[in-house]
């Protein structure tokens, strides 16, 4: 099979131009979405030179009570759903769910798997 090098270079150049065009379109879409999210979030509308919160307040905001969802998280969820559906949504309730990895200790789970696998099952006749 003979491949012409100039054809290969031309095909590569065309693909690179197409990829750059797609990247530019994605960047434009991302900027539009960021502007949309900034319109929903009062925290995003704050100037960048706003004073930093006290460490105690920052710690409290970083670790909300168990099962509680902060208003900032609700705003971000609403913005994401609005961007996905294309129409404004209202979140009526939300709660944090416990991860299945927090419920079961991996070591005890592996021990159960080992014990259950060690049983010899007799085939039914």
Foldseek 3Di string as FASTA:
>chain_A
DDDDPVVVVVVVVVVVVVVVVVVVVVVVVVVVLVVQLCVQDPVSVDDPPDDDDDPVVVVCVVDDDAFDDDPRVLSVVQSVVCVVVVHGDDDDDDTDDDDPCVVDPPVVVVVVVVVVVPDDDDDDD
